[in-house]
Amino acid sequence: MSHAKRGRPSDDVDDDACREEREEPAATETVTVGQALQAVALSPAGGRPVDRADASAVEAAERSATGLGRAVPGGVAAAAQRAKEANEHGDAVTTVRDVLGDAAAVTPGDRAATWVDAEKVAAATGRGGGGMGEVADAVAAAAQINQGSTLEL
């Protein structure tokens, strides 16, 4: 019977495999506003019809992501607005997933989400009335992740 010393791996342990399991990836990646929007499309909320609050929140998110202070013609905010109007008139049912499914790819100048972005989106969600706030929650979660990714370890 072989006894390994406490604190040292036995001879039959692959040191490289253990090291790989213990090492965590560096926290340098950030989550963009567009990625946060796309995450909403992938969530259970993605199957819900776009409403007024969603359209307002998506517009605020796009404005923050681009830094332009306005919605981008042909962007996700414009698509959300068209979807909201169609859903209100009963012309069609356009879901959050339909609008935000590729938000990360189509948001020009997309950048890392911040708490300022999250606050703007949350305020817009409230002004839009109704809604469940999934867009605001996703941007806030992205800001939280990004805040953690910039902390010194």
N, C-alpha and C. Protein backbone atom coordinates (compact mmCIF):
# COMPACT_ATOMS: atom_id res chain seq x y z
N MET A 1 0.83 -1.17 0.00
CA MET A 1 0.00 0.00 0.00
C MET A 1 0.88 1.24 0.00
N SER A 2 0.59 2.12 -0.89
CA SER A 2 1.39 3.32 -1.05
C SER A 2 0.71 4.48 -0.32
N HIS A 3 1.49 5.25 0.38
CA HIS A 3 0.95 6.40 1.09
C HIS A 3 1.55 7.67 0.49
N ALA A 4 0.69 8.51 -0.02
CA ALA A 4 1.17 9.78 -0.57
C ALA A 4 1.21 10.80 0.58
N LYS A 5 2.18 11.68 0.51
CA LYS A 5 2.27 12.71 1.54
C LYS A 5 1.11 13.69 1.38
N ARG A 6 0.60 14.13 2.52
CA ARG A 6 -0.50 15.08 2.51
C ARG A 6 -0.04 16.35 1.80
N GLY A 7 -0.94 16.89 0.93
CA GLY A 7 -0.65 18.13 0.24
C GLY A 7 0.09 17.93 -1.06
N ARG A 8 0.52 16.71 -1.34
CA ARG A 8 1.21 16.46 -2.60
C ARG A 8 0.44 15.42 -3.37
N PRO A 9 0.34 15.58 -4.67
CA PRO A 9 -0.39 14.59 -5.46
C PRO A 9 0.38 13.28 -5.51
N SER A 10 -0.34 12.21 -5.64
CA SER A 10 0.32 10.91 -5.77
C SER A 10 0.92 10.82 -7.16
N ASP A 11 1.75 9.80 -7.37
CA ASP A 11 2.45 9.65 -8.63
C ASP A 11 1.52 9.42 -9.81
N ASP A 12 0.32 8.89 -9.56
CA ASP A 12 -0.57 8.56 -10.67
C ASP A 12 -1.52 9.71 -11.04
N VAL A 13 -1.25 10.91 -10.57
CA VAL A 13 -2.09 12.07 -10.89
C VAL A 13 -1.39 12.91 -11.94
N ASP A 14 -2.14 13.29 -12.95
CA ASP A 14 -1.61 14.13 -14.02
C ASP A 14 -1.65 15.59 -13.55
N ASP A 15 -0.47 16.15 -13.24
CA ASP A 15 -0.39 17.51 -12.72
C ASP A 15 -1.01 18.53 -13.67
N ASP A 16 -0.78 18.38 -14.97
CA ASP A 16 -1.33 19.34 -15.93
C ASP A 16 -2.85 19.31 -15.93
N ALA A 17 -3.45 18.14 -15.85
CA ALA A 17 -4.91 18.04 -15.83
C ALA A 17 -5.48 18.69 -14.58
N CYS A 18 -4.82 18.49 -13.44
CA CYS A 18 -5.28 19.11 -12.20
C CYS A 18 -5.16 20.62 -12.28
N ARG A 19 -4.05 21.08 -12.83
CA ARG A 19 -3.85 22.52 -12.94
C ARG A 19 -4.91 23.14 -13.83
N GLU A 20 -5.25 22.48 -14.95
CA GLU A 20 -6.27 22.99 -15.85
C GLU A 20 -7.62 23.07 -15.16
N GLU A 21 -7.93 22.09 -14.32
CA GLU A 21 -9.21 22.09 -13.63
C GLU A 21 -9.28 23.21 -12.61
N ARG A 22 -8.16 23.54 -11.97
CA ARG A 22 -8.15 24.55 -10.92
C ARG A 22 -8.11 25.97 -11.47
N GLU A 23 -7.46 26.15 -12.59
CA GLU A 23 -7.31 27.49 -13.14
C GLU A 23 -8.64 27.98 -13.69
N GLU A 24 -8.96 29.22 -13.36
CA GLU A 24 -10.17 29.82 -13.88
C GLU A 24 -9.77 30.78 -14.98
N PRO A 25 -10.63 30.95 -15.98
CA PRO A 25 -10.28 31.88 -17.05
C PRO A 25 -10.18 33.30 -16.50
N ALA A 26 -9.30 34.06 -17.10
CA ALA A 26 -9.15 35.45 -16.69
C ALA A 26 -10.44 36.20 -16.97
N ALA A 27 -10.81 37.07 -16.05
CA ALA A 27 -12.05 37.81 -16.18
C ALA A 27 -11.82 39.07 -17.01
N THR A 28 -11.58 38.91 -18.31
CA THR A 28 -11.32 40.04 -19.17
C THR A 28 -12.43 40.25 -20.20
N GLU A 29 -13.25 39.26 -20.43
CA GLU A 29 -14.33 39.37 -21.40
C GLU A 29 -15.46 40.20 -20.81
N THR A 30 -16.10 40.97 -21.66
CA THR A 30 -17.24 41.77 -21.21
C THR A 30 -18.47 41.37 -22.01
N VAL A 31 -19.62 41.72 -21.48
CA VAL A 31 -20.89 41.46 -22.14
C VAL A 31 -21.38 42.77 -22.72
N THR A 32 -21.68 42.77 -24.00
CA THR A 32 -22.14 43.99 -24.65
C THR A 32 -23.65 44.16 -24.45
N VAL A 33 -24.11 45.35 -24.74
CA VAL A 33 -25.55 45.63 -24.66
C VAL A 33 -26.29 44.74 -25.66
N GLY A 34 -25.75 44.60 -26.86
CA GLY A 34 -26.37 43.74 -27.88
C GLY A 34 -26.46 42.29 -27.44
N GLN A 35 -25.42 41.81 -26.77
CA GLN A 35 -25.45 40.44 -26.26
C GLN A 35 -26.51 40.29 -25.17
N ALA A 36 -26.66 41.31 -24.34
CA ALA A 36 -27.70 41.27 -23.30
C ALA A 36 -29.08 41.21 -23.94
N LEU A 37 -29.28 42.00 -24.99
CA LEU A 37 -30.57 41.96 -25.71
C LEU A 37 -30.80 40.58 -26.32
N GLN A 38 -29.77 40.03 -26.90
CA GLN A 38 -29.90 38.70 -27.51
C GLN A 38 -30.20 37.64 -26.46
N ALA A 39 -29.68 37.80 -25.28
CA ALA A 39 -29.96 36.86 -24.20
C ALA A 39 -31.44 36.84 -23.86
N VAL A 40 -32.09 37.99 -23.94
CA VAL A 40 -33.53 38.04 -23.68
C VAL A 40 -34.27 37.20 -24.72
N ALA A 41 -33.82 37.26 -25.97
CA ALA A 41 -34.45 36.46 -27.03
C ALA A 41 -34.33 34.97 -26.74
N LEU A 42 -33.25 34.58 -26.10
CA LEU A 42 -33.01 33.16 -25.82
C LEU A 42 -33.69 32.70 -24.54
N SER A 43 -34.19 33.63 -23.76
CA SER A 43 -34.85 33.30 -22.50
C SER A 43 -36.32 32.95 -22.75
N PRO A 44 -37.03 32.49 -21.73
CA PRO A 44 -38.46 32.23 -21.89
C PRO A 44 -39.24 33.46 -22.34
N ALA A 45 -38.75 34.65 -22.02
CA ALA A 45 -39.43 35.88 -22.45
C ALA A 45 -39.40 36.05 -23.97
N GLY A 46 -38.50 35.36 -24.62
CA GLY A 46 -38.39 35.48 -26.07
C GLY A 46 -39.65 35.08 -26.82
N GLY A 47 -40.45 34.24 -26.24
CA GLY A 47 -41.68 33.79 -26.90
C GLY A 47 -42.86 34.71 -26.69
N ARG A 48 -42.68 35.77 -25.92
CA ARG A 48 -43.75 36.70 -25.62
C ARG A 48 -43.85 37.76 -26.72
N PRO A 49 -45.07 38.23 -27.04
CA PRO A 49 -45.20 39.31 -28.02
C PRO A 49 -44.53 40.60 -27.52
N VAL A 50 -43.94 41.34 -28.43
CA VAL A 50 -43.32 42.61 -28.09
C VAL A 50 -44.41 43.59 -27.67
N ASP A 51 -44.21 44.25 -26.52
CA ASP A 51 -45.17 45.25 -26.06
C ASP A 51 -44.49 46.62 -25.99
N ARG A 52 -45.24 47.60 -25.53
CA ARG A 52 -44.76 48.99 -25.47
C ARG A 52 -43.50 49.10 -24.60
N ALA A 53 -43.49 48.45 -23.46
CA ALA A 53 -42.33 48.53 -22.56
C ALA A 53 -41.09 47.91 -23.21
N ASP A 54 -41.29 46.80 -23.92
CA ASP A 54 -40.16 46.18 -24.62
C ASP A 54 -39.58 47.14 -25.65
N ALA A 55 -40.45 47.76 -26.45
CA ALA A 55 -39.99 48.67 -27.49
C ALA A 55 -39.23 49.85 -26.89
N SER A 56 -39.73 50.39 -25.79
CA SER A 56 -39.06 51.51 -25.11
C SER A 56 -37.70 51.09 -24.57
N ALA A 57 -37.66 49.92 -23.95
CA ALA A 57 -36.41 49.43 -23.36
C ALA A 57 -35.37 49.12 -24.43
N VAL A 58 -35.80 48.51 -25.52
CA VAL A 58 -34.87 48.18 -26.60
C VAL A 58 -34.32 49.46 -27.22
N GLU A 59 -35.17 50.47 -27.39
CA GLU A 59 -34.69 51.74 -27.93
C GLU A 59 -33.64 52.36 -27.01
N ALA A 60 -33.91 52.38 -25.71
CA ALA A 60 -32.95 52.94 -24.75
C ALA A 60 -31.64 52.15 -24.79
N ALA A 61 -31.74 50.83 -24.89
CA ALA A 61 -30.54 50.00 -24.95
C ALA A 61 -29.74 50.29 -26.21
N GLU A 62 -30.42 50.41 -27.33
CA GLU A 62 -29.71 50.68 -28.59
C GLU A 62 -29.04 52.06 -28.54
N ARG A 63 -29.74 53.05 -28.01
CA ARG A 63 -29.15 54.38 -27.88
C ARG A 63 -27.88 54.32 -27.03
N SER A 64 -27.94 53.58 -25.94
CA SER A 64 -26.77 53.46 -25.07
C SER A 64 -25.64 52.69 -25.75
N ALA A 65 -25.99 51.62 -26.42
CA ALA A 65 -24.98 50.78 -27.06
C ALA A 65 -24.22 51.53 -28.14
N THR A 66 -24.93 52.32 -28.91
CA THR A 66 -24.30 53.02 -30.02
C THR A 66 -23.66 54.33 -29.61
N GLY A 67 -24.16 54.91 -28.50
CA GLY A 67 -23.66 56.20 -28.07
C GLY A 67 -24.16 57.34 -28.93
N LEU A 68 -25.10 57.07 -29.82
CA LEU A 68 -25.60 58.09 -30.73
C LEU A 68 -26.70 58.96 -30.14
N GLY A 69 -27.34 58.48 -29.08
CA GLY A 69 -28.42 59.24 -28.48
C GLY A 69 -29.71 59.18 -29.29
N ARG A 70 -29.75 58.31 -30.26
CA ARG A 70 -30.96 58.13 -31.07
C ARG A 70 -31.01 56.69 -31.57
N ALA A 71 -32.20 56.29 -31.99
CA ALA A 71 -32.35 54.96 -32.56
C ALA A 71 -31.71 54.94 -33.94
N VAL A 72 -31.21 53.80 -34.31
CA VAL A 72 -30.56 53.63 -35.61
C VAL A 72 -31.61 53.17 -36.62
N PRO A 73 -31.74 53.86 -37.74
CA PRO A 73 -32.70 53.39 -38.75
C PRO A 73 -32.39 51.95 -39.16
N GLY A 74 -33.39 51.11 -39.11
CA GLY A 74 -33.21 49.71 -39.45
C GLY A 74 -32.63 48.85 -38.35
N GLY A 75 -32.42 49.44 -37.17
CA GLY A 75 -31.83 48.70 -36.06
C GLY A 75 -32.87 47.94 -35.26
N VAL A 76 -32.45 47.38 -34.14
CA VAL A 76 -33.35 46.58 -33.32
C VAL A 76 -34.45 47.43 -32.69
N ALA A 77 -34.16 48.69 -32.40
CA ALA A 77 -35.19 49.56 -31.82
C ALA A 77 -36.30 49.80 -32.83
N ALA A 78 -35.94 50.04 -34.07
CA ALA A 78 -36.96 50.25 -35.12
C ALA A 78 -37.78 48.98 -35.31
N ALA A 79 -37.12 47.83 -35.26
CA ALA A 79 -37.84 46.55 -35.40
C ALA A 79 -38.78 46.34 -34.22
N ALA A 80 -38.33 46.70 -33.02
CA ALA A 80 -39.18 46.55 -31.83
C ALA A 80 -40.40 47.46 -31.92
N GLN A 81 -40.20 48.67 -32.41
CA GLN A 81 -41.30 49.62 -32.55
C GLN A 81 -42.33 49.11 -33.58
N ARG A 82 -41.85 48.61 -34.71
CA ARG A 82 -42.76 48.05 -35.72
C ARG A 82 -43.52 46.85 -35.17
N ALA A 83 -42.82 46.00 -34.42
CA ALA A 83 -43.45 44.82 -33.83
C ALA A 83 -44.51 45.21 -32.82
N LYS A 84 -44.21 46.19 -31.99
CA LYS A 84 -45.17 46.67 -30.99
C LYS A 84 -46.43 47.18 -31.67
N GLU A 85 -46.25 47.99 -32.71
CA GLU A 85 -47.41 48.55 -33.42
C GLU A 85 -48.24 47.45 -34.09
N ALA A 86 -47.58 46.51 -34.72
CA ALA A 86 -48.30 45.40 -35.37
C ALA A 86 -49.04 44.56 -34.33
N ASN A 87 -48.39 44.32 -33.19
CA ASN A 87 -49.03 43.53 -32.13
C ASN A 87 -50.24 44.27 -31.55
N GLU A 88 -50.14 45.59 -31.41
CA GLU A 88 -51.26 46.36 -30.86
C GLU A 88 -52.46 46.38 -31.81
N HIS A 89 -52.18 46.37 -33.11
CA HIS A 89 -53.26 46.41 -34.10
C HIS A 89 -53.76 45.02 -34.46
N GLY A 90 -53.13 44.02 -33.91
CA GLY A 90 -53.56 42.65 -34.20
C GLY A 90 -53.20 42.19 -35.60
N ASP A 91 -52.30 42.93 -36.27
CA ASP A 91 -51.89 42.57 -37.63
C ASP A 91 -51.09 41.27 -37.64
N ALA A 92 -50.31 41.06 -36.62
CA ALA A 92 -49.45 39.88 -36.54
C ALA A 92 -49.00 39.74 -35.09
N VAL A 93 -48.40 38.63 -34.79
CA VAL A 93 -47.80 38.47 -33.47
C VAL A 93 -46.30 38.33 -33.70
N THR A 94 -45.58 39.38 -33.29
CA THR A 94 -44.13 39.37 -33.41
C THR A 94 -43.58 39.25 -32.01
N THR A 95 -42.73 38.26 -31.80
CA THR A 95 -42.21 37.99 -30.47
C THR A 95 -40.91 38.74 -30.21
N VAL A 96 -40.54 38.77 -28.95
CA VAL A 96 -39.27 39.35 -28.54
C VAL A 96 -38.13 38.62 -29.25
N ARG A 97 -38.23 37.33 -29.38
CA ARG A 97 -37.21 36.52 -30.06
C ARG A 97 -37.06 36.95 -31.52
N ASP A 98 -38.21 37.24 -32.19
CA ASP A 98 -38.16 37.68 -33.58
C ASP A 98 -37.35 38.96 -33.73
N VAL A 99 -37.47 39.84 -32.76
CA VAL A 99 -36.82 41.15 -32.83
C VAL A 99 -35.37 41.11 -32.35
N LEU A 100 -35.11 40.38 -31.28
CA LEU A 100 -33.79 40.43 -30.64
C LEU A 100 -32.90 39.22 -30.91
N GLY A 101 -33.35 38.31 -31.75
CA GLY A 101 -32.62 37.07 -31.99
C GLY A 101 -31.18 37.23 -32.44
N ASP A 102 -30.89 38.30 -33.18
CA ASP A 102 -29.50 38.52 -33.62
C ASP A 102 -29.02 39.92 -33.24
N ALA A 103 -29.50 40.42 -32.12
CA ALA A 103 -29.19 41.79 -31.67
C ALA A 103 -27.70 42.04 -31.54
N ALA A 104 -26.95 41.05 -31.10
CA ALA A 104 -25.51 41.26 -30.91
C ALA A 104 -24.82 41.53 -32.24
N ALA A 105 -25.32 40.94 -33.31
CA ALA A 105 -24.69 41.10 -34.62
C ALA A 105 -25.13 42.38 -35.32
N VAL A 106 -26.33 42.86 -35.03
CA VAL A 106 -26.86 43.98 -35.80
C VAL A 106 -26.83 45.32 -35.07
N THR A 107 -26.34 45.34 -33.84
CA THR A 107 -26.27 46.60 -33.10
C THR A 107 -24.95 47.28 -33.45
N PRO A 108 -25.01 48.39 -34.21
CA PRO A 108 -23.77 49.06 -34.61
C PRO A 108 -23.08 49.71 -33.42
N GLY A 109 -21.77 49.61 -33.37
CA GLY A 109 -21.01 50.23 -32.29
C GLY A 109 -21.29 49.63 -30.93
N ASP A 110 -21.78 48.40 -30.91
CA ASP A 110 -22.13 47.74 -29.66
C ASP A 110 -20.92 47.75 -28.72
N ARG A 111 -21.19 48.07 -27.46
CA ARG A 111 -20.11 48.14 -26.48
C ARG A 111 -20.53 47.49 -25.16
N ALA A 112 -19.60 47.37 -24.25
CA ALA A 112 -19.86 46.73 -22.97
C ALA A 112 -20.95 47.46 -22.20
N ALA A 113 -21.84 46.69 -21.60
CA ALA A 113 -22.94 47.25 -20.82
C ALA A 113 -22.41 47.82 -19.50
N THR A 114 -22.98 48.94 -19.10
CA THR A 114 -22.60 49.60 -17.85
C THR A 114 -23.85 49.81 -17.00
N TRP A 115 -23.63 50.25 -15.77
CA TRP A 115 -24.76 50.55 -14.89
C TRP A 115 -25.56 51.74 -15.41
N VAL A 116 -24.90 52.66 -16.10
CA VAL A 116 -25.62 53.80 -16.70
C VAL A 116 -26.60 53.28 -17.74
N ASP A 117 -26.15 52.34 -18.57
CA ASP A 117 -27.03 51.72 -19.56
C ASP A 117 -28.21 51.05 -18.88
N ALA A 118 -27.92 50.30 -17.84
CA ALA A 118 -28.98 49.57 -17.12
C ALA A 118 -30.01 50.54 -16.55
N GLU A 119 -29.55 51.65 -16.01
CA GLU A 119 -30.48 52.64 -15.44
C GLU A 119 -31.35 53.27 -16.52
N LYS A 120 -30.75 53.59 -17.67
CA LYS A 120 -31.51 54.18 -18.78
C LYS A 120 -32.58 53.21 -19.28
N VAL A 121 -32.22 51.95 -19.40
CA VAL A 121 -33.16 50.94 -19.90
C VAL A 121 -34.27 50.72 -18.89
N ALA A 122 -33.93 50.67 -17.62
CA ALA A 122 -34.95 50.48 -16.58
C ALA A 122 -35.93 51.66 -16.58
N ALA A 123 -35.42 52.87 -16.73
CA ALA A 123 -36.29 54.05 -16.76
C ALA A 123 -37.20 54.01 -17.98
N ALA A 124 -36.66 53.60 -19.12
CA ALA A 124 -37.47 53.52 -20.34
C ALA A 124 -38.53 52.44 -20.22
N THR A 125 -38.22 51.34 -19.56
CA THR A 125 -39.20 50.28 -19.36
C THR A 125 -40.37 50.80 -18.55
N GLY A 126 -40.07 51.56 -17.51
CA GLY A 126 -41.13 52.15 -16.69
C GLY A 126 -41.99 53.14 -17.45
N ARG A 127 -41.36 53.95 -18.29
CA ARG A 127 -42.11 54.92 -19.09
C ARG A 127 -43.00 54.21 -20.11
N GLY A 128 -42.54 53.04 -20.59
CA GLY A 128 -43.30 52.31 -21.60
C GLY A 128 -44.55 51.67 -21.04
N GLY A 129 -44.59 51.49 -19.74
CA GLY A 129 -45.75 50.87 -19.10
C GLY A 129 -45.86 49.40 -19.46
N GLY A 130 -46.40 48.63 -18.56
CA GLY A 130 -46.57 47.19 -18.82
C GLY A 130 -45.23 46.50 -18.87
N GLY A 131 -45.19 45.40 -19.57
CA GLY A 131 -43.94 44.66 -19.73
C GLY A 131 -43.48 43.99 -18.46
N MET A 132 -42.57 43.10 -18.62
CA MET A 132 -42.05 42.35 -17.49
C MET A 132 -40.64 42.80 -17.10
N GLY A 133 -40.03 43.67 -17.87
CA GLY A 133 -38.72 44.20 -17.52
C GLY A 133 -37.55 43.29 -17.84
N GLU A 134 -37.76 42.30 -18.70
CA GLU A 134 -36.66 41.37 -19.00
C GLU A 134 -35.49 42.06 -19.67
N VAL A 135 -35.76 43.04 -20.52
CA VAL A 135 -34.67 43.74 -21.20
C VAL A 135 -33.84 44.51 -20.17
N ALA A 136 -34.50 45.21 -19.28
CA ALA A 136 -33.79 45.94 -18.23
C ALA A 136 -33.01 44.99 -17.34
N ASP A 137 -33.60 43.87 -17.00
CA ASP A 137 -32.92 42.88 -16.16
C ASP A 137 -31.67 42.34 -16.85
N ALA A 138 -31.76 42.09 -18.15
CA ALA A 138 -30.62 41.54 -18.89
C ALA A 138 -29.48 42.54 -18.97
N VAL A 139 -29.79 43.81 -19.20
CA VAL A 139 -28.74 44.82 -19.27
C VAL A 139 -28.11 45.02 -17.89
N ALA A 140 -28.92 44.97 -16.84
CA ALA A 140 -28.39 45.07 -15.48
C ALA A 140 -27.48 43.89 -15.16
N ALA A 141 -27.87 42.70 -15.58
CA ALA A 141 -27.04 41.51 -15.35
C ALA A 141 -25.71 41.64 -16.10
N ALA A 142 -25.76 42.15 -17.34
CA ALA A 142 -24.54 42.35 -18.11
C ALA A 142 -23.63 43.37 -17.43
N ALA A 143 -24.22 44.44 -16.92
CA ALA A 143 -23.43 45.46 -16.21
C ALA A 143 -22.78 44.86 -14.97
N GLN A 144 -23.52 44.01 -14.26
CA GLN A 144 -22.97 43.35 -13.07
C GLN A 144 -21.79 42.45 -13.45
N ILE A 145 -21.94 41.69 -14.51
CA ILE A 145 -20.85 40.82 -14.97
C ILE A 145 -19.64 41.68 -15.35
N ASN A 146 -19.89 42.76 -16.08
CA ASN A 146 -18.80 43.61 -16.53
C ASN A 146 -18.10 44.30 -15.36
N GLN A 147 -18.86 44.69 -14.36
CA GLN A 147 -18.25 45.31 -13.19
C GLN A 147 -17.31 44.31 -12.52
N GLY A 148 -17.73 43.07 -12.42
CA GLY A 148 -16.88 42.03 -11.84
C GLY A 148 -15.68 41.71 -12.68
N SER A 149 -15.81 41.86 -14.01
CA SER A 149 -14.70 41.50 -14.89
C SER A 149 -13.60 42.53 -14.88
N THR A 150 -13.86 43.72 -14.34
CA THR A 150 -12.83 44.76 -14.33
C THR A 150 -12.18 44.89 -12.96
N LEU A 151 -12.65 44.13 -11.98
CA LEU A 151 -12.06 44.22 -10.64
C LEU A 151 -10.72 43.52 -10.59
N GLU A 152 -9.81 44.09 -9.85
CA GLU A 152 -8.50 43.45 -9.65
C GLU A 152 -8.69 42.25 -8.73
N LEU A 153 -8.10 41.15 -9.08
CA LEU A 153 -8.18 39.94 -8.26
C LEU A 153 -6.94 39.77 -7.43
